[in-house]
């Protein structure tokens, strides 16, 4: 069973940075997609960034491109999301997700409204709050 545990959220002022971590276990196939989503109060969950395997190619939503960076440390099975130049509109619960469909990391799928529900495995989320 795939298990995902996020950490690293917190409260920062606008312009600040955070690094989110997603400790992963139980992934048994070589082809898969790992992604970060976020959900702000009263809003739909949305795709933020994705990384497919075995040949990682990062994808990003336009709203975070050039500010966020997704990466993975294979040595400790951890997915990261570096959040830079944070804005109040980045305030949300951030979720780590995984699926054995590598194609889910294609940008057109990742950012499609509602597509998040196709991902099979989810973490519990970590809160990011950005004050102005």
N, C-alpha and C. Protein backbone atom coordinates (compact mmCIF):
# COMPACT_ATOMS: atom_id res chain seq x y z
N UNK A 1 0.84 -1.19 0.00
CA UNK A 1 0.00 0.00 0.00
C UNK A 1 0.88 1.25 0.00
N UNK A 2 0.58 2.18 -0.89
CA UNK A 2 1.34 3.43 -0.96
C UNK A 2 0.95 4.32 0.21
N UNK A 3 1.95 4.88 0.84
CA UNK A 3 1.73 5.73 2.00
C UNK A 3 2.48 7.04 1.79
N UNK A 4 1.78 8.17 1.97
CA UNK A 4 2.36 9.49 1.76
C UNK A 4 2.16 10.33 3.00
N UNK A 5 3.22 10.99 3.46
CA UNK A 5 3.13 11.83 4.65
C UNK A 5 3.79 13.17 4.37
N UNK A 6 3.01 14.23 4.39
CA UNK A 6 3.53 15.58 4.14
C UNK A 6 4.01 16.23 5.43
N UNK A 7 4.93 17.16 5.26
CA UNK A 7 5.39 17.99 6.37
C UNK A 7 5.99 19.27 5.79
N UNK A 8 6.26 20.24 6.66
CA UNK A 8 6.95 21.44 6.22
C UNK A 8 6.09 22.67 6.06
N UNK A 9 4.79 22.53 6.24
CA UNK A 9 3.94 23.70 6.13
C UNK A 9 4.16 24.66 7.29
N UNK A 10 3.58 25.84 7.19
CA UNK A 10 3.71 26.83 8.25
C UNK A 10 3.16 28.16 7.83
N UNK A 11 3.46 29.18 8.64
CA UNK A 11 3.00 30.54 8.37
C UNK A 11 4.20 31.42 8.06
N UNK A 12 4.10 32.14 6.95
CA UNK A 12 5.18 33.04 6.54
C UNK A 12 4.57 34.33 6.02
N UNK A 13 5.41 35.34 5.93
CA UNK A 13 4.98 36.59 5.32
C UNK A 13 5.18 36.53 3.82
N UNK A 14 4.47 37.37 3.12
CA UNK A 14 4.61 37.45 1.67
C UNK A 14 6.07 37.68 1.30
N UNK A 15 6.50 36.95 0.27
CA UNK A 15 7.89 37.03 -0.14
C UNK A 15 8.77 35.96 0.48
N UNK A 16 8.26 35.28 1.48
CA UNK A 16 9.02 34.26 2.17
C UNK A 16 9.05 32.94 1.42
N UNK A 17 9.71 31.96 2.04
CA UNK A 17 9.88 30.64 1.43
C UNK A 17 9.56 29.53 2.41
N UNK A 18 9.17 28.40 1.88
CA UNK A 18 8.96 27.18 2.64
C UNK A 18 9.38 26.00 1.76
N UNK A 19 9.72 24.90 2.40
CA UNK A 19 9.94 23.67 1.66
C UNK A 19 9.06 22.57 2.23
N UNK A 20 8.19 22.07 1.39
CA UNK A 20 7.31 20.99 1.78
C UNK A 20 7.97 19.65 1.45
N UNK A 21 7.73 18.67 2.30
CA UNK A 21 8.26 17.33 2.08
C UNK A 21 7.12 16.33 2.05
N UNK A 22 7.29 15.28 1.28
CA UNK A 22 6.32 14.19 1.22
C UNK A 22 7.10 12.89 1.28
N UNK A 23 7.07 12.27 2.44
CA UNK A 23 7.76 10.99 2.61
C UNK A 23 6.89 9.90 1.99
N UNK A 24 7.48 9.11 1.10
CA UNK A 24 6.72 8.11 0.37
C UNK A 24 7.20 6.70 0.73
N UNK A 25 6.28 5.76 0.66
CA UNK A 25 6.61 4.35 0.85
C UNK A 25 5.58 3.52 0.12
N UNK A 26 6.00 2.31 -0.26
CA UNK A 26 5.05 1.37 -0.85
C UNK A 26 4.88 1.45 -2.34
N UNK A 27 5.59 2.35 -3.03
CA UNK A 27 5.48 2.41 -4.49
C UNK A 27 6.28 1.25 -5.06
N UNK A 28 5.60 0.38 -5.83
CA UNK A 28 6.21 -0.87 -6.28
C UNK A 28 6.48 -0.93 -7.77
N UNK A 29 6.03 0.05 -8.54
CA UNK A 29 6.27 0.05 -9.97
C UNK A 29 7.23 1.17 -10.35
N UNK A 30 7.87 1.03 -11.49
CA UNK A 30 8.86 2.03 -11.89
C UNK A 30 8.23 3.21 -12.60
N UNK A 31 7.03 3.05 -13.16
CA UNK A 31 6.34 4.13 -13.85
C UNK A 31 5.23 4.68 -12.97
N UNK A 32 5.35 5.95 -12.63
CA UNK A 32 4.32 6.56 -11.80
C UNK A 32 4.44 8.07 -11.85
N UNK A 33 3.43 8.71 -11.34
CA UNK A 33 3.39 10.17 -11.27
C UNK A 33 3.25 10.58 -9.81
N UNK A 34 4.03 11.56 -9.43
CA UNK A 34 3.85 12.15 -8.10
C UNK A 34 3.59 13.65 -8.29
N UNK A 35 2.69 14.18 -7.49
CA UNK A 35 2.28 15.56 -7.70
C UNK A 35 1.92 16.24 -6.40
N UNK A 36 1.92 17.57 -6.46
CA UNK A 36 1.42 18.40 -5.36
C UNK A 36 0.17 19.10 -5.83
N UNK A 37 -0.83 19.08 -4.97
CA UNK A 37 -2.06 19.81 -5.18
C UNK A 37 -2.26 20.75 -4.00
N UNK A 38 -3.17 21.70 -4.15
CA UNK A 38 -3.51 22.56 -3.03
C UNK A 38 -4.99 22.90 -3.08
N UNK A 39 -5.52 23.19 -1.90
CA UNK A 39 -6.93 23.56 -1.80
C UNK A 39 -7.07 24.70 -0.81
N UNK A 40 -7.52 25.83 -1.33
CA UNK A 40 -7.77 27.00 -0.49
C UNK A 40 -9.21 26.92 0.02
N UNK A 41 -9.52 27.60 1.13
CA UNK A 41 -10.89 27.56 1.67
C UNK A 41 -11.91 28.00 0.64
N UNK A 42 -12.93 27.18 0.46
CA UNK A 42 -14.00 27.51 -0.46
C UNK A 42 -13.68 27.35 -1.92
N UNK A 43 -12.52 26.78 -2.22
CA UNK A 43 -12.12 26.63 -3.62
C UNK A 43 -11.89 25.16 -3.96
N UNK A 44 -11.89 24.87 -5.24
CA UNK A 44 -11.62 23.54 -5.76
C UNK A 44 -10.13 23.20 -5.57
N UNK A 45 -9.88 21.93 -5.35
CA UNK A 45 -8.49 21.48 -5.29
C UNK A 45 -7.86 21.67 -6.67
N UNK A 46 -6.61 22.12 -6.69
CA UNK A 46 -5.96 22.40 -7.97
C UNK A 46 -4.55 21.83 -8.02
N UNK A 47 -4.14 21.45 -9.23
CA UNK A 47 -2.80 20.94 -9.42
C UNK A 47 -1.78 22.05 -9.37
N UNK A 48 -0.66 21.77 -8.73
CA UNK A 48 0.41 22.75 -8.58
C UNK A 48 1.64 22.34 -9.37
N UNK A 49 2.10 21.10 -9.15
CA UNK A 49 3.32 20.63 -9.81
C UNK A 49 3.32 19.11 -9.84
N UNK A 50 3.97 18.54 -10.84
CA UNK A 50 4.04 17.09 -10.97
C UNK A 50 5.42 16.65 -11.43
N UNK A 51 5.73 15.40 -11.12
CA UNK A 51 7.02 14.82 -11.49
C UNK A 51 6.78 13.36 -11.82
N UNK A 52 7.08 12.98 -13.07
CA UNK A 52 6.80 11.60 -13.47
C UNK A 52 8.09 10.77 -13.44
N UNK A 53 7.93 9.48 -13.33
CA UNK A 53 9.05 8.55 -13.21
C UNK A 53 8.86 7.39 -14.15
N UNK A 54 9.96 6.83 -14.70
CA UNK A 54 11.31 6.87 -14.15
C UNK A 54 12.19 8.01 -14.66
N UNK A 55 11.76 8.76 -15.67
CA UNK A 55 12.57 9.87 -16.17
C UNK A 55 11.89 11.18 -15.80
N UNK A 56 12.22 11.72 -14.64
CA UNK A 56 11.46 12.86 -14.11
C UNK A 56 11.47 14.09 -15.00
N UNK A 57 10.28 14.56 -15.33
CA UNK A 57 10.12 15.81 -16.06
C UNK A 57 9.11 16.65 -15.29
N UNK A 58 9.54 17.75 -14.69
CA UNK A 58 8.62 18.55 -13.88
C UNK A 58 7.61 19.32 -14.72
N UNK A 59 6.41 19.42 -14.19
CA UNK A 59 5.36 20.25 -14.79
C UNK A 59 4.79 21.15 -13.71
N UNK A 60 4.33 22.33 -14.12
CA UNK A 60 3.85 23.32 -13.17
C UNK A 60 2.61 24.02 -13.69
N UNK A 61 1.77 24.43 -12.74
CA UNK A 61 0.69 25.34 -13.07
C UNK A 61 1.29 26.72 -13.34
N UNK A 62 0.66 27.48 -14.21
CA UNK A 62 1.18 28.81 -14.56
C UNK A 62 1.32 29.71 -13.34
N UNK A 63 0.42 29.55 -12.39
CA UNK A 63 0.40 30.46 -11.23
C UNK A 63 1.62 30.29 -10.33
N UNK A 64 2.34 29.16 -10.45
CA UNK A 64 3.47 28.91 -9.56
C UNK A 64 4.78 28.75 -10.30
N UNK A 65 4.71 28.66 -11.62
CA UNK A 65 5.92 28.46 -12.40
C UNK A 65 6.88 29.59 -12.11
N UNK A 66 8.18 29.29 -11.98
CA UNK A 66 9.25 30.24 -11.67
C UNK A 66 9.31 30.62 -10.20
N UNK A 67 8.31 30.18 -9.42
CA UNK A 67 8.37 30.42 -7.97
C UNK A 67 8.49 29.13 -7.18
N UNK A 68 7.90 28.05 -7.68
CA UNK A 68 7.93 26.77 -6.99
C UNK A 68 8.81 25.80 -7.76
N UNK A 69 9.39 24.84 -7.05
CA UNK A 69 10.22 23.82 -7.70
C UNK A 69 9.94 22.47 -7.06
N UNK A 70 9.63 21.49 -7.90
CA UNK A 70 9.36 20.13 -7.42
C UNK A 70 10.60 19.29 -7.66
N UNK A 71 10.90 18.43 -6.70
CA UNK A 71 12.08 17.56 -6.85
C UNK A 71 11.86 16.33 -6.00
N UNK A 72 12.76 15.36 -6.17
CA UNK A 72 12.66 14.15 -5.38
C UNK A 72 14.05 13.66 -5.03
N UNK A 73 14.20 13.23 -3.80
CA UNK A 73 15.41 12.60 -3.33
C UNK A 73 15.14 11.10 -3.28
N UNK A 74 15.70 10.36 -4.24
CA UNK A 74 15.42 8.93 -4.28
C UNK A 74 16.07 8.17 -3.14
N UNK A 75 17.11 8.76 -2.55
CA UNK A 75 17.82 8.08 -1.46
C UNK A 75 16.92 7.90 -0.24
N UNK A 76 16.05 8.89 0.02
CA UNK A 76 15.18 8.76 1.18
C UNK A 76 13.70 8.77 0.80
N UNK A 77 13.43 8.54 -0.50
CA UNK A 77 12.04 8.42 -0.97
C UNK A 77 11.18 9.60 -0.55
N UNK A 78 11.71 10.79 -0.76
CA UNK A 78 10.97 11.99 -0.36
C UNK A 78 10.78 12.92 -1.55
N UNK A 79 9.54 13.36 -1.73
CA UNK A 79 9.21 14.36 -2.75
C UNK A 79 9.19 15.72 -2.08
N UNK A 80 9.75 16.72 -2.75
CA UNK A 80 9.83 18.05 -2.18
C UNK A 80 9.09 19.06 -3.07
N UNK A 81 8.64 20.12 -2.43
CA UNK A 81 8.13 21.28 -3.17
C UNK A 81 8.71 22.51 -2.50
N UNK A 82 9.62 23.17 -3.20
CA UNK A 82 10.21 24.41 -2.71
C UNK A 82 9.30 25.57 -3.13
N UNK A 83 8.84 26.33 -2.15
CA UNK A 83 7.94 27.45 -2.40
C UNK A 83 8.70 28.75 -2.13
N UNK A 84 8.91 29.53 -3.16
CA UNK A 84 9.63 30.80 -3.04
C UNK A 84 8.72 31.97 -3.40
N UNK A 85 9.09 33.15 -2.92
CA UNK A 85 8.33 34.36 -3.22
C UNK A 85 6.83 34.14 -3.01
N UNK A 86 6.50 33.63 -1.84
CA UNK A 86 5.11 33.28 -1.55
C UNK A 86 4.21 34.50 -1.53
N UNK A 87 2.97 34.28 -1.96
CA UNK A 87 1.97 35.33 -2.01
C UNK A 87 0.78 34.91 -1.15
N UNK A 88 -0.01 35.87 -0.67
CA UNK A 88 -1.19 35.50 0.12
C UNK A 88 -2.11 34.52 -0.60
N UNK A 89 -2.20 34.60 -1.91
CA UNK A 89 -3.07 33.69 -2.65
C UNK A 89 -2.52 32.26 -2.72
N UNK A 90 -1.32 32.04 -2.22
CA UNK A 90 -0.78 30.69 -2.12
C UNK A 90 -1.27 29.98 -0.85
N UNK A 91 -1.96 30.70 0.00
CA UNK A 91 -2.49 30.11 1.22
C UNK A 91 -3.45 28.97 0.90
N UNK A 92 -3.17 27.79 1.44
CA UNK A 92 -3.97 26.60 1.14
C UNK A 92 -3.44 25.42 1.93
N UNK A 93 -4.20 24.34 1.92
CA UNK A 93 -3.67 23.05 2.36
C UNK A 93 -3.02 22.40 1.14
N UNK A 94 -1.79 22.00 1.29
CA UNK A 94 -1.04 21.37 0.20
C UNK A 94 -1.01 19.86 0.40
N UNK A 95 -1.37 19.15 -0.66
CA UNK A 95 -1.44 17.70 -0.62
C UNK A 95 -0.44 17.07 -1.58
N UNK A 96 0.14 15.99 -1.15
CA UNK A 96 0.98 15.15 -1.99
C UNK A 96 0.11 14.00 -2.51
N UNK A 97 0.27 13.67 -3.79
CA UNK A 97 -0.52 12.60 -4.38
C UNK A 97 0.36 11.76 -5.30
N UNK A 98 -0.07 10.52 -5.52
CA UNK A 98 0.67 9.62 -6.40
C UNK A 98 -0.30 8.74 -7.15
N UNK A 99 0.13 8.31 -8.33
CA UNK A 99 -0.67 7.36 -9.12
C UNK A 99 0.25 6.61 -10.06
N UNK A 100 -0.11 5.37 -10.37
CA UNK A 100 0.70 4.57 -11.28
C UNK A 100 0.48 4.93 -12.74
N UNK A 101 -0.41 5.84 -13.02
CA UNK A 101 -0.57 6.36 -14.38
C UNK A 101 0.39 7.52 -14.58
N UNK A 102 1.49 7.25 -15.23
CA UNK A 102 2.50 8.28 -15.43
C UNK A 102 1.94 9.48 -16.19
N UNK A 103 0.99 9.22 -17.07
CA UNK A 103 0.40 10.30 -17.88
C UNK A 103 -0.33 11.34 -17.05
N UNK A 104 -0.66 11.02 -15.83
CA UNK A 104 -1.36 11.99 -14.98
C UNK A 104 -0.49 13.21 -14.70
N UNK A 105 0.81 13.08 -14.90
CA UNK A 105 1.69 14.21 -14.67
C UNK A 105 1.78 15.16 -15.86
N UNK A 106 1.13 14.80 -16.97
CA UNK A 106 1.11 15.73 -18.10
C UNK A 106 0.38 16.99 -17.65
N UNK A 107 0.90 18.12 -18.06
CA UNK A 107 0.40 19.40 -17.56
C UNK A 107 -1.10 19.56 -17.84
N UNK A 108 -1.54 19.14 -19.03
CA UNK A 108 -2.95 19.36 -19.38
C UNK A 108 -3.87 18.56 -18.47
N UNK A 109 -3.37 17.45 -17.92
CA UNK A 109 -4.18 16.68 -16.98
C UNK A 109 -4.06 17.26 -15.57
N UNK A 110 -2.83 17.59 -15.20
CA UNK A 110 -2.56 18.05 -13.83
C UNK A 110 -3.39 19.27 -13.48
N UNK A 111 -3.53 20.19 -14.44
CA UNK A 111 -4.21 21.45 -14.14
C UNK A 111 -5.68 21.42 -14.53
N UNK A 112 -6.15 20.30 -15.08
CA UNK A 112 -7.56 20.24 -15.50
C UNK A 112 -8.46 20.23 -14.27
N UNK A 113 -9.47 21.09 -14.20
CA UNK A 113 -10.33 21.13 -13.01
C UNK A 113 -10.97 19.79 -12.72
N UNK A 114 -10.82 19.34 -11.51
CA UNK A 114 -11.43 18.09 -11.10
C UNK A 114 -10.61 16.85 -11.36
N UNK A 115 -9.53 16.97 -12.15
CA UNK A 115 -8.76 15.77 -12.50
C UNK A 115 -8.08 15.17 -11.28
N UNK A 116 -7.90 15.98 -10.26
CA UNK A 116 -7.22 15.50 -9.05
C UNK A 116 -7.88 14.25 -8.49
N UNK A 117 -9.17 14.11 -8.70
CA UNK A 117 -9.89 12.97 -8.11
C UNK A 117 -9.49 11.63 -8.70
N UNK A 118 -8.74 11.65 -9.82
CA UNK A 118 -8.28 10.40 -10.43
C UNK A 118 -7.07 9.81 -9.73
N UNK A 119 -6.36 10.63 -8.97
CA UNK A 119 -5.17 10.13 -8.28
C UNK A 119 -5.57 9.13 -7.21
N UNK A 120 -4.82 8.03 -7.14
CA UNK A 120 -5.21 6.93 -6.25
C UNK A 120 -4.74 7.13 -4.81
N UNK A 121 -3.61 7.78 -4.62
CA UNK A 121 -2.99 7.82 -3.29
C UNK A 121 -2.76 9.27 -2.86
N UNK A 122 -3.10 9.53 -1.60
CA UNK A 122 -3.04 10.90 -1.06
C UNK A 122 -2.46 10.93 0.33
N UNK A 123 -1.79 12.04 0.63
CA UNK A 123 -1.40 12.32 1.99
C UNK A 123 -2.50 13.10 2.69
N UNK A 124 -2.25 13.42 3.96
CA UNK A 124 -3.25 14.12 4.76
C UNK A 124 -3.24 15.63 4.54
N UNK A 125 -2.16 16.14 3.98
CA UNK A 125 -2.07 17.57 3.71
C UNK A 125 -1.28 18.32 4.77
N UNK A 126 -0.75 19.47 4.37
CA UNK A 126 -0.03 20.36 5.28
C UNK A 126 -0.43 21.80 4.96
N UNK A 127 -0.69 22.57 6.01
CA UNK A 127 -1.22 23.92 5.83
C UNK A 127 -0.10 24.92 5.54
N UNK A 128 -0.30 25.74 4.53
CA UNK A 128 0.59 26.87 4.23
C UNK A 128 -0.24 28.15 4.33
N UNK A 129 0.21 29.08 5.17
CA UNK A 129 -0.49 30.34 5.35
C UNK A 129 0.49 31.48 5.07
N UNK A 130 0.11 32.35 4.14
CA UNK A 130 0.96 33.47 3.76
C UNK A 130 0.23 34.76 4.09
N UNK A 131 0.85 35.57 4.93
CA UNK A 131 0.24 36.85 5.33
C UNK A 131 0.86 38.00 4.54
N UNK A 132 0.05 39.03 4.34
CA UNK A 132 0.53 40.19 3.55
C UNK A 132 1.24 41.20 4.41
